[in-house]
Amino acid sequence: MTIDWIYLAEIALSGIGSSALLALTGVAFVLIYKTTRVVNLAIGETLMLGAYLFFGFTGAMGLPAWLAIPLVLACGALFGAVVERTIIRPMLGTSPLSIFMVTIGIGSMVVGVVELLWGLEPHRLISFVEEKPVFLGPAYVSPKTAVALVVATGTIALFLVVLRYWRGSLALRATASDHGAAYSCGISVPKVYSMSWAVACMIASGAGILVGTVGGISPAMGVFGLSVLSVVIMGGLDSILGVLVAAMFVGLIEAFAGAFLGGEFKQISTFTLLMIMLLVRPHGLLGTAEIDRL
């Protein structure tokens, strides 16, 4: 049997593109967990909201993409800050399971609003990506996937650089390490909470534009958050590096499972891998072993 290496390379490149989007959304998930210890199940719906806002700005309002994108990011940040201040912060200190369930409720509310405003039918985002074919050697890559990969990778790299060198990130890292010690050092922990939610939801909203550009949008696209959750659990709830590594594995496995077994096996393969990881290493690849599990 002859192996079609070009076909395998194209599948792998598609999987790497998906990995970048999973990693980008996973970073948003980890940022919230590290600072507030909240498992935010509404991250997929936040991604969906960003995609629909972009659809509304460019479709109904007729705004150009270069103006709609920063507006979506600003709306995502505002959404995160409002949710944290009005819903999450009053619940901090209560049962983690209670907050977990509240985030599920927030996601359901977002889905309801989207369905009320835009209906149940799927839509396509305007094409702001040049449709010129992209080749890496003899292997073809979809232009939308290539752009999503470049943008997601660049955003993650920028986030890591800012987190490493920006002086304000010291407050975020201190809060993530020890809330009590951060308070004693004069850090305004509530402000850090708001900042982390705002930044995380802004990242998720931007990821929604990329995901919607590649595969279209619908009220059900929040299910992407389940794959992200799997990635985060496998990598470690509090480990950005672990999420990046896990995202690469999951993206490639889903791509090959979809190509050789059928699209319905993509999620099956992801959750099978998740169950194996939970049995072997419950706290994830690089996560802290003391993490409380719901």
C-alpha atoms as a PDB file:
ATOM      1  CA  MET A   1       0.000   0.000   0.000  1.00  0.00           C
ATOM      2  CA  THR A   2       1.363   3.405  -1.021  1.00  0.00           C
ATOM      3  CA  ILE A   3       1.274   6.114   1.617  1.00  0.00           C
ATOM      4  CA  ASP A   4       0.136   9.508   0.369  1.00  0.00           C
ATOM      5  CA  TRP A   5       2.504  11.695   2.363  1.00  0.00           C
ATOM      6  CA  ILE A   6       1.164  14.913   0.867  1.00  0.00           C
ATOM      7  CA  TYR A   7      -2.354  14.043   2.035  1.00  0.00           C
ATOM      8  CA  LEU A   8      -1.055  13.233   5.521  1.00  0.00           C
ATOM      9  CA  ALA A   9       0.835  16.527   5.589  1.00  0.00           C
ATOM     10  CA  GLU A  10      -2.313  18.449   4.630  1.00  0.00           C
ATOM     11  CA  ILE A  11      -4.271  16.729   7.408  1.00  0.00           C
ATOM     12  CA  ALA A  12      -1.503  17.539   9.892  1.00  0.00           C
ATOM     13  CA  LEU A  13      -1.420  21.196   8.831  1.00  0.00           C
ATOM     14  CA  SER A  14      -5.191  21.410   9.243  1.00  0.00           C
ATOM     15  CA  GLY A  15      -4.827  19.872  12.701  1.00  0.00           C
ATOM     16  CA  ILE A  16      -2.129  22.360  13.635  1.00  0.00           C
ATOM     17  CA  GLY A  17      -4.466  25.182  12.614  1.00  0.00           C
ATOM     18  CA  SER A  18      -7.160  23.760  14.903  1.00  0.00           C
ATOM     19  CA  SER A  19      -4.553  23.341  17.641  1.00  0.00           C
ATOM     20  CA  ALA A  20      -3.737  27.042  17.504  1.00  0.00           C
ATOM     21  CA  LEU A  21      -7.401  27.995  17.952  1.00  0.00           C
ATOM     22  CA  LEU A  22      -7.805  25.510  20.814  1.00  0.00           C
ATOM     23  CA  ALA A  23      -4.658  26.859  22.461  1.00  0.00           C
ATOM     24  CA  LEU A  24      -5.758  30.477  22.068  1.00  0.00           C
ATOM     25  CA  THR A  25      -9.121  29.828  23.739  1.00  0.00           C
ATOM     26  CA  GLY A  26      -7.465  27.577  26.311  1.00  0.00           C
ATOM     27  CA  VAL A  27      -5.160  30.424  27.351  1.00  0.00           C
ATOM     28  CA  ALA A  28      -8.261  32.507  28.105  1.00  0.00           C
ATOM     29  CA  PHE A  29      -9.654  29.645  30.193  1.00  0.00           C
ATOM     30  CA  VAL A  30      -6.423  29.221  32.177  1.00  0.00           C
ATOM     31  CA  LEU A  31      -6.068  32.972  32.775  1.00  0.00           C
ATOM     32  CA  ILE A  32      -9.427  33.074  34.554  1.00  0.00           C
ATOM     33  CA  TYR A  33      -8.738  29.930  36.540  1.00  0.00           C
ATOM     34  CA  LYS A  34      -5.259  30.995  37.659  1.00  0.00           C
ATOM     35  CA  THR A  35      -6.441  34.329  39.038  1.00  0.00           C
ATOM     36  CA  THR A  36      -9.901  33.555  40.417  1.00  0.00           C
ATOM     37  CA  ARG A  37      -9.974  29.739  40.676  1.00  0.00           C
ATOM     38  CA  VAL A  38     -13.196  29.748  38.655  1.00  0.00           C
ATOM     39  CA  VAL A  39     -13.805  27.026  36.060  1.00  0.00           C
ATOM     40  CA  ASN A  40     -15.548  29.104  33.395  1.00  0.00           C
ATOM     41  CA  LEU A  41     -17.783  26.823  31.344  1.00  0.00           C
ATOM     42  CA  ALA A  42     -19.121  29.828  29.424  1.00  0.00           C
ATOM     43  CA  ILE A  43     -15.863  30.313  27.515  1.00  0.00           C
ATOM     44  CA  GLY A  44     -17.278  28.560  24.428  1.00  0.00           C
ATOM     45  CA  GLU A  45     -20.367  30.779  24.463  1.00  0.00           C
ATOM     46  CA  THR A  46     -18.143  33.851  24.856  1.00  0.00           C
ATOM     47  CA  LEU A  47     -16.313  32.708  21.729  1.00  0.00           C
ATOM     48  CA  MET A  48     -19.664  32.328  19.955  1.00  0.00           C
ATOM     49  CA  LEU A  49     -20.765  35.793  21.111  1.00  0.00           C
ATOM     50  CA  GLY A  50     -17.634  37.330  19.606  1.00  0.00           C
ATOM     51  CA  ALA A  51     -18.326  35.640  16.277  1.00  0.00           C
ATOM     52  CA  TYR A  52     -21.933  36.871  16.211  1.00  0.00           C
ATOM     53  CA  LEU A  53     -20.946  40.401  17.193  1.00  0.00           C
ATOM     54  CA  PHE A  54     -18.550  40.437  14.270  1.00  0.00           C
ATOM     55  CA  PHE A  55     -21.362  39.142  12.057  1.00  0.00           C
ATOM     56  CA  GLY A  56     -23.659  41.909  13.308  1.00  0.00           C
ATOM     57  CA  PHE A  57     -21.088  44.682  12.913  1.00  0.00           C
ATOM     58  CA  THR A  58     -20.075  43.667   9.381  1.00  0.00           C
ATOM     59  CA  GLY A  59     -23.500  42.480   8.185  1.00  0.00           C
ATOM     60  CA  ALA A  60     -26.319  44.523   9.678  1.00  0.00           C
ATOM     61  CA  MET A  61     -24.203  47.627  10.351  1.00  0.00           C
ATOM     62  CA  GLY A  62     -21.986  47.317   7.270  1.00  0.00           C
ATOM     63  CA  LEU A  63     -18.748  48.121   9.107  1.00  0.00           C
ATOM     64  CA  PRO A  64     -15.443  47.107   7.511  1.00  0.00           C
ATOM     65  CA  ALA A  65     -13.598  44.196   9.103  1.00  0.00           C
ATOM     66  CA  TRP A  66     -10.704  46.370  10.278  1.00  0.00           C
ATOM     67  CA  LEU A  67     -13.137  48.415  12.379  1.00  0.00           C
ATOM     68  CA  ALA A  68     -15.403  45.527  13.449  1.00  0.00           C
ATOM     69  CA  ILE A  69     -12.567  43.451  14.919  1.00  0.00           C
ATOM     70  CA  PRO A  70     -11.449  45.988  17.580  1.00  0.00           C
ATOM     71  CA  LEU A  71     -15.103  46.657  18.401  1.00  0.00           C
ATOM     72  CA  VAL A  72     -15.652  42.941  19.004  1.00  0.00           C
ATOM     73  CA  LEU A  73     -12.568  42.796  21.214  1.00  0.00           C
ATOM     74  CA  ALA A  74     -13.768  45.811  23.211  1.00  0.00           C
ATOM     75  CA  CYS A  75     -17.239  44.295  23.628  1.00  0.00           C
ATOM     76  CA  GLY A  76     -15.693  41.002  24.731  1.00  0.00           C
ATOM     77  CA  ALA A  77     -13.584  42.756  27.356  1.00  0.00           C
ATOM     78  CA  LEU A  78     -16.604  44.719  28.596  1.00  0.00           C
ATOM     79  CA  PHE A  79     -18.689  41.546  28.771  1.00  0.00           C
ATOM     80  CA  GLY A  80     -16.014  39.790  30.839  1.00  0.00           C
ATOM     81  CA  ALA A  81     -15.591  42.710  33.230  1.00  0.00           C
ATOM     82  CA  VAL A  82     -19.356  43.071  33.778  1.00  0.00           C
ATOM     83  CA  VAL A  83     -19.873  39.346  34.356  1.00  0.00           C
ATOM     84  CA  GLU A  84     -17.003  39.229  36.851  1.00  0.00           C
ATOM     85  CA  ARG A  85     -18.140  42.306  38.764  1.00  0.00           C
ATOM     86  CA  THR A  86     -21.861  41.583  38.919  1.00  0.00           C
ATOM     87  CA  ILE A  87     -22.058  37.771  39.046  1.00  0.00           C
ATOM     88  CA  ILE A  88     -18.754  36.096  39.827  1.00  0.00           C
ATOM     89  CA  ARG A  89     -17.184  38.372  42.428  1.00  0.00           C
ATOM     90  CA  PRO A  90     -20.129  38.244  44.875  1.00  0.00           C
ATOM     91  CA  MET A  91     -19.897  34.439  44.741  1.00  0.00           C
ATOM     92  CA  LEU A  92     -16.161  34.115  45.410  1.00  0.00           C
ATOM     93  CA  GLY A  93     -15.606  32.134  48.565  1.00  0.00           C
ATOM     94  CA  THR A  94     -18.695  29.996  48.030  1.00  0.00           C
ATOM     95  CA  SER A  95     -18.684  26.413  46.812  1.00  0.00           C
ATOM     96  CA  PRO A  96     -16.668  25.945  43.593  1.00  0.00           C
ATOM     97  CA  LEU A  97     -19.506  23.772  42.324  1.00  0.00           C
ATOM     98  CA  SER A  98     -21.944  26.675  42.743  1.00  0.00           C
ATOM     99  CA  ILE A  99     -19.763  29.018  40.690  1.00  0.00           C
ATOM    100  CA  PHE A 100     -19.222  26.255  38.141  1.00  0.00           C
ATOM    101  CA  MET A 101     -22.982  25.903  37.696  1.00  0.00           C
ATOM    102  CA  VAL A 102     -23.395  29.687  37.451  1.00  0.00           C
ATOM    103  CA  THR A 103     -20.978  29.812  34.513  1.00  0.00           C
ATOM    104  CA  ILE A 104     -23.096  27.153  32.788  1.00  0.00           C
ATOM    105  CA  GLY A 105     -26.109  29.416  33.353  1.00  0.00           C
ATOM    106  CA  ILE A 106     -24.226  32.387  31.908  1.00  0.00           C
ATOM    107  CA  GLY A 107     -23.451  30.344  28.803  1.00  0.00           C
ATOM    108  CA  SER A 108     -27.107  29.378  28.421  1.00  0.00           C
ATOM    109  CA  MET A 109     -28.132  33.022  28.712  1.00  0.00           C
ATOM    110  CA  VAL A 110     -25.663  34.011  25.993  1.00  0.00           C
ATOM    111  CA  VAL A 111     -27.026  31.297  23.697  1.00  0.00           C
ATOM    112  CA  GLY A 112     -30.576  32.496  24.334  1.00  0.00           C
ATOM    113  CA  VAL A 113     -29.695  36.103  23.511  1.00  0.00           C
ATOM    114  CA  VAL A 114     -27.907  35.060  20.313  1.00  0.00           C
ATOM    115  CA  GLU A 115     -30.845  32.919  19.197  1.00  0.00           C
ATOM    116  CA  LEU A 116     -33.258  35.766  19.963  1.00  0.00           C
ATOM    117  CA  LEU A 117     -31.262  38.328  17.964  1.00  0.00           C
ATOM    118  CA  TRP A 118     -29.950  36.235  15.067  1.00  0.00           C
ATOM    119  CA  GLY A 119     -32.111  33.121  14.977  1.00  0.00           C
ATOM    120  CA  LEU A 120     -31.212  29.444  14.851  1.00  0.00           C
ATOM    121  CA  GLU A 121     -29.884  29.260  11.293  1.00  0.00           C
ATOM    122  CA  PRO A 122     -26.128  29.043  10.675  1.00  0.00           C
ATOM    123  CA  HIS A 123     -24.412  31.943   8.906  1.00  0.00           C
ATOM    124  CA  ARG A 124     -21.181  32.706   7.118  1.00  0.00           C
ATOM    125  CA  LEU A 125     -18.952  35.571   8.117  1.00  0.00           C
ATOM    126  CA  ILE A 126     -17.860  38.009   5.467  1.00  0.00           C
ATOM    127  CA  SER A 127     -14.650  36.920   3.802  1.00  0.00           C
ATOM    128  CA  PHE A 128     -11.873  39.296   4.834  1.00  0.00           C
ATOM    129  CA  VAL A 129      -9.163  36.739   4.042  1.00  0.00           C
ATOM    130  CA  GLU A 130      -7.633  36.629   0.578  1.00  0.00           C
ATOM    131  CA  GLU A 131      -8.629  33.360  -1.108  1.00  0.00           C
ATOM    132  CA  LYS A 132      -5.225  32.879  -2.725  1.00  0.00           C
ATOM    133  CA  PRO A 133      -4.096  29.234  -2.288  1.00  0.00           C
ATOM    134  CA  VAL A 134      -1.387  28.649   0.322  1.00  0.00           C
ATOM    135  CA  PHE A 135       1.182  25.913  -0.231  1.00  0.00           C
ATOM    136  CA  LEU A 136       3.873  24.662   2.115  1.00  0.00           C
ATOM    137  CA  GLY A 137       5.953  22.733  -0.338  1.00  0.00           C
ATOM    138  CA  PRO A 138       3.506  20.498  -2.223  1.00  0.00           C
ATOM    139  CA  ALA A 139       0.949  20.494   0.626  1.00  0.00           C
ATOM    140  CA  TYR A 140      -2.119  22.735   0.307  1.00  0.00           C
ATOM    141  CA  VAL A 141      -3.418  24.727   3.267  1.00  0.00           C
ATOM    142  CA  SER A 142      -6.736  26.545   3.317  1.00  0.00           C
ATOM    143  CA  PRO A 143      -6.088  30.332   3.321  1.00  0.00           C
ATOM    144  CA  LYS A 144      -8.530  30.782   6.223  1.00  0.00           C
ATOM    145  CA  THR A 145      -6.798  28.073   8.224  1.00  0.00           C
ATOM    146  CA  ALA A 146      -3.397  29.607   7.476  1.00  0.00           C
ATOM    147  CA  VAL A 147      -4.542  33.058   8.620  1.00  0.00           C
ATOM    148  CA  ALA A 148      -6.159  31.608  11.748  1.00  0.00           C
ATOM    149  CA  LEU A 149      -2.936  29.763  12.551  1.00  0.00           C
ATOM    150  CA  VAL A 150      -0.753  32.846  12.103  1.00  0.00           C
ATOM    151  CA  VAL A 151      -3.060  35.160  14.055  1.00  0.00           C
ATOM    152  CA  ALA A 152      -3.654  32.694  16.906  1.00  0.00           C
ATOM    153  CA  THR A 153       0.053  31.868  17.205  1.00  0.00           C
ATOM    154  CA  GLY A 154       1.009  35.549  17.131  1.00  0.00           C
ATOM    155  CA  THR A 155      -1.600  36.416  19.757  1.00  0.00           C
ATOM    156  CA  ILE A 156      -0.412  33.666  22.088  1.00  0.00           C
ATOM    157  CA  ALA A 157       3.207  34.729  21.640  1.00  0.00           C
ATOM    158  CA  LEU A 158       2.305  38.371  22.339  1.00  0.00           C
ATOM    159  CA  PHE A 159       0.328  37.367  25.419  1.00  0.00           C
ATOM    160  CA  LEU A 160       3.255  35.342  26.790  1.00  0.00           C
ATOM    161  CA  VAL A 161       5.690  38.197  26.170  1.00  0.00           C
ATOM    162  CA  VAL A 162       3.407  40.708  27.888  1.00  0.00           C
ATOM    163  CA  LEU A 163       2.870  38.301  30.780  1.00  0.00           C
ATOM    164  CA  ARG A 164       6.612  37.933  31.148  1.00  0.00           C
ATOM    165  CA  TYR A 165       7.808  41.525  30.812  1.00  0.00           C
ATOM    166  CA  TRP A 166       4.897  43.897  31.533  1.00  0.00           C
ATOM    167  CA  ARG A 167       5.135  45.279  35.076  1.00  0.00           C
ATOM    168  CA  GLY A 168       1.376  45.038  35.549  1.00  0.00           C
ATOM    169  CA  SER A 169       1.570  41.305  34.975  1.00  0.00           C
ATOM    170  CA  LEU A 170       3.435  40.997  38.277  1.00  0.00           C
ATOM    171  CA  ALA A 171       0.171  41.745  40.074  1.00  0.00           C
ATOM    172  CA  LEU A 172      -1.584  39.104  38.027  1.00  0.00           C
ATOM    173  CA  ARG A 173       1.061  36.484  38.726  1.00  0.00           C
ATOM    174  CA  ALA A 174       1.172  37.362  42.420  1.00  0.00           C
ATOM    175  CA  THR A 175      -2.596  37.029  42.669  1.00  0.00           C
ATOM    176  CA  ALA A 176      -2.492  33.727  40.845  1.00  0.00           C
ATOM    177  CA  SER A 177       0.166  32.407  43.254  1.00  0.00           C
ATOM    178  CA  ASP A 178      -1.316  33.539  46.575  1.00  0.00           C
ATOM    179  CA  HIS A 179      -4.319  35.834  47.031  1.00  0.00           C
ATOM    180  CA  GLY A 180      -3.506  36.563  50.665  1.00  0.00           C
ATOM    181  CA  ALA A 181       0.119  37.457  49.937  1.00  0.00           C
ATOM    182  CA  ALA A 182      -1.005  39.691  47.067  1.00  0.00           C
ATOM    183  CA  TYR A 183      -3.337  41.564  49.418  1.00  0.00           C
ATOM    184  CA  SER A 184      -0.538  41.999  51.963  1.00  0.00           C
ATOM    185  CA  CYS A 185       1.697  43.503  49.272  1.00  0.00           C
ATOM    186  CA  GLY A 186      -0.889  46.181  48.506  1.00  0.00           C
ATOM    187  CA  ILE A 187      -2.152  44.640  45.278  1.00  0.00           C
ATOM    188  CA  SER A 188      -5.792  45.350  44.472  1.00  0.00           C
ATOM    189  CA  VAL A 189      -6.911  41.765  43.978  1.00  0.00           C
ATOM    190  CA  PRO A 190     -10.457  42.718  42.841  1.00  0.00           C
ATOM    191  CA  LYS A 191      -8.979  44.845  40.069  1.00  0.00           C
ATOM    192  CA  VAL A 192      -6.813  41.913  39.010  1.00  0.00           C
ATOM    193  CA  TYR A 193      -9.934  39.731  38.927  1.00  0.00           C
ATOM    194  CA  SER A 194     -11.684  42.201  36.634  1.00  0.00           C
ATOM    195  CA  MET A 195      -8.621  42.567  34.419  1.00  0.00           C
ATOM    196  CA  SER A 196      -8.201  38.808  34.038  1.00  0.00           C
ATOM    197  CA  TRP A 197     -11.852  38.286  33.088  1.00  0.00           C
ATOM    198  CA  ALA A 198     -11.786  41.215  30.681  1.00  0.00           C
ATOM    199  CA  VAL A 199      -8.599  40.045  28.953  1.00  0.00           C
ATOM    200  CA  ALA A 200      -9.717  36.395  28.840  1.00  0.00           C
ATOM    201  CA  CYS A 201     -13.117  37.225  27.333  1.00  0.00           C
ATOM    202  CA  MET A 202     -11.469  39.581  24.862  1.00  0.00           C
ATOM    203  CA  ILE A 203      -9.173  36.755  23.739  1.00  0.00           C
ATOM    204  CA  ALA A 204     -12.112  34.331  23.498  1.00  0.00           C
ATOM    205  CA  SER A 205     -14.133  36.833  21.444  1.00  0.00           C
ATOM    206  CA  GLY A 206     -11.255  37.265  19.037  1.00  0.00           C
ATOM    207  CA  ALA A 207     -10.890  33.490  18.783  1.00  0.00           C
ATOM    208  CA  GLY A 208     -14.594  33.366  17.894  1.00  0.00           C
ATOM    209  CA  ILE A 209     -13.933  35.482  14.806  1.00  0.00           C
ATOM    210  CA  LEU A 210     -11.197  33.080  13.698  1.00  0.00           C
ATOM    211  CA  VAL A 211     -13.274  29.958  14.388  1.00  0.00           C
ATOM    212  CA  GLY A 212     -16.281  31.486  12.608  1.00  0.00           C
ATOM    213  CA  THR A 213     -14.188  32.484   9.622  1.00  0.00           C
ATOM    214  CA  VAL A 214     -12.971  28.915   9.164  1.00  0.00           C
ATOM    215  CA  GLY A 215     -16.183  26.989   9.807  1.00  0.00           C
ATOM    216  CA  GLY A 216     -19.092  29.441   9.867  1.00  0.00           C
ATOM    217  CA  ILE A 217     -21.193  30.416  12.881  1.00  0.00           C
ATOM    218  CA  SER A 218     -24.268  29.026  14.607  1.00  0.00           C
ATOM    219  CA  PRO A 219     -25.697  29.088  18.137  1.00  0.00           C
ATOM    220  CA  ALA A 220     -24.247  25.588  18.570  1.00  0.00           C
ATOM    221  CA  MET A 221     -20.647  26.659  17.945  1.00  0.00           C
ATOM    222  CA  GLY A 222     -20.192  27.038  21.686  1.00  0.00           C
ATOM    223  CA  VAL A 223     -19.610  23.269  21.680  1.00  0.00           C
ATOM    224  CA  PHE A 224     -16.075  24.232  20.630  1.00  0.00           C
ATOM    225  CA  GLY A 225     -15.696  25.087  24.303  1.00  0.00           C
ATOM    226  CA  LEU A 226     -15.983  21.378  25.170  1.00  0.00           C
ATOM    227  CA  SER A 227     -12.881  20.634  23.125  1.00  0.00           C
ATOM    228  CA  VAL A 228     -11.170  23.579  24.817  1.00  0.00           C
ATOM    229  CA  LEU A 229     -12.176  22.245  28.231  1.00  0.00           C
ATOM    230  CA  SER A 230     -10.708  18.864  27.316  1.00  0.00           C
ATOM    231  CA  VAL A 231      -7.476  20.546  26.276  1.00  0.00           C
ATOM    232  CA  VAL A 232      -7.299  22.543  29.501  1.00  0.00           C
ATOM    233  CA  ILE A 233      -7.938  19.510  31.705  1.00  0.00           C
ATOM    234  CA  MET A 234      -5.361  17.452  29.817  1.00  0.00           C
ATOM    235  CA  GLY A 235      -2.762  20.201  29.937  1.00  0.00           C
ATOM    236  CA  GLY A 236      -3.495  21.290  33.513  1.00  0.00           C
ATOM    237  CA  LEU A 237      -6.042  23.839  34.679  1.00  0.00           C
ATOM    238  CA  ASP A 238      -3.345  26.224  35.871  1.00  0.00           C
ATOM    239  CA  SER A 239      -0.645  25.615  33.245  1.00  0.00           C
ATOM    240  CA  ILE A 240      -0.465  27.697  30.076  1.00  0.00           C
ATOM    241  CA  LEU A 241       2.421  25.598  28.758  1.00  0.00           C
ATOM    242  CA  GLY A 242       0.479  22.412  29.449  1.00  0.00           C
ATOM    243  CA  VAL A 243      -2.488  23.783  27.512  1.00  0.00           C
ATOM    244  CA  LEU A 244      -0.273  24.590  24.525  1.00  0.00           C
ATOM    245  CA  VAL A 245       1.132  21.056  24.480  1.00  0.00           C
ATOM    246  CA  ALA A 246      -2.282  19.420  24.938  1.00  0.00           C
ATOM    247  CA  ALA A 247      -3.832  21.610  22.233  1.00  0.00           C
ATOM    248  CA  MET A 248      -1.277  20.335  19.738  1.00  0.00           C
ATOM    249  CA  PHE A 249      -2.119  16.707  20.543  1.00  0.00           C
ATOM    250  CA  VAL A 250      -5.883  17.239  20.469  1.00  0.00           C
ATOM    251  CA  GLY A 251      -5.848  19.245  17.237  1.00  0.00           C
ATOM    252  CA  LEU A 252      -3.817  16.602  15.412  1.00  0.00           C
ATOM    253  CA  ILE A 253      -5.827  13.688  16.811  1.00  0.00           C
ATOM    254  CA  GLU A 254      -9.133  15.318  15.851  1.00  0.00           C
ATOM    255  CA  ALA A 255      -7.831  16.056  12.344  1.00  0.00           C
ATOM    256  CA  PHE A 256      -6.693  12.489  11.691  1.00  0.00           C
ATOM    257  CA  ALA A 257      -9.776  10.954  13.330  1.00  0.00           C
ATOM    258  CA  GLY A 258     -12.040  13.132  11.186  1.00  0.00           C
ATOM    259  CA  ALA A 259     -10.126  12.316   8.005  1.00  0.00           C
ATOM    260  CA  PHE A 260      -9.897   8.533   8.434  1.00  0.00           C
ATOM    261  CA  LEU A 261     -12.834   7.642  10.684  1.00  0.00           C
ATOM    262  CA  GLY A 262     -15.397  10.348   9.935  1.00  0.00           C
ATOM    263  CA  GLY A 263     -16.316  13.696  11.431  1.00  0.00           C
ATOM    264  CA  GLU A 264     -18.450  12.121  14.165  1.00  0.00           C
ATOM    265  CA  PHE A 265     -15.314  10.517  15.639  1.00  0.00           C
ATOM    266  CA  LYS A 266     -13.519  13.822  16.275  1.00  0.00           C
ATOM    267  CA  GLN A 267     -15.213  14.466  19.609  1.00  0.00           C
ATOM    268  CA  ILE A 268     -15.119  10.756  20.495  1.00  0.00           C
ATOM    269  CA  SER A 269     -11.357  10.653  20.045  1.00  0.00           C
ATOM    270  CA  THR A 270     -10.916  13.809  22.123  1.00  0.00           C
ATOM    271  CA  PHE A 271     -12.931  12.555  25.078  1.00  0.00           C
ATOM    272  CA  THR A 272     -11.342   9.105  24.879  1.00  0.00           C
ATOM    273  CA  LEU A 273      -7.950  10.765  25.201  1.00  0.00           C
ATOM    274  CA  LEU A 274      -9.304  12.881  28.069  1.00  0.00           C
ATOM    275  CA  MET A 275     -10.513   9.819  29.993  1.00  0.00           C
ATOM    276  CA  ILE A 276      -7.134   8.138  29.572  1.00  0.00           C
ATOM    277  CA  MET A 277      -5.383  11.272  30.835  1.00  0.00           C
ATOM    278  CA  LEU A 278      -7.667  11.513  33.869  1.00  0.00           C
ATOM    279  CA  LEU A 279      -6.870   7.906  34.768  1.00  0.00           C
ATOM    280  CA  VAL A 280      -3.126   8.284  34.316  1.00  0.00           C
ATOM    281  CA  ARG A 281      -2.533  11.876  35.435  1.00  0.00           C
ATOM    282  CA  PRO A 282      -5.669  13.499  36.921  1.00  0.00           C
ATOM    283  CA  HIS A 283      -4.062  16.933  37.350  1.00  0.00           C
ATOM    284  CA  GLY A 284      -2.982  17.116  33.714  1.00  0.00           C
ATOM    285  CA  LEU A 285       0.357  17.098  31.943  1.00  0.00           C
ATOM    286  CA  LEU A 286       1.816  20.125  33.722  1.00  0.00           C
ATOM    287  CA  GLY A 287      -0.914  21.053  36.170  1.00  0.00           C
ATOM    288  CA  THR A 288      -0.515  21.403  39.937  1.00  0.00           C
ATOM    289  CA  ALA A 289      -1.304  18.169  41.719  1.00  0.00           C
ATOM    290  CA  GLU A 290      -3.160  19.971  44.530  1.00  0.00           C
ATOM    291  CA  ILE A 291      -5.913  21.260  42.243  1.00  0.00           C
ATOM    292  CA  ASP A 292      -9.390  20.570  43.629  1.00  0.00           C
ATOM    293  CA  ARG A 293     -11.568  18.654  41.178  1.00  0.00           C
ATOM    294  CA  LEU A 294     -15.289  19.209  40.973  1.00  0.00           C
END
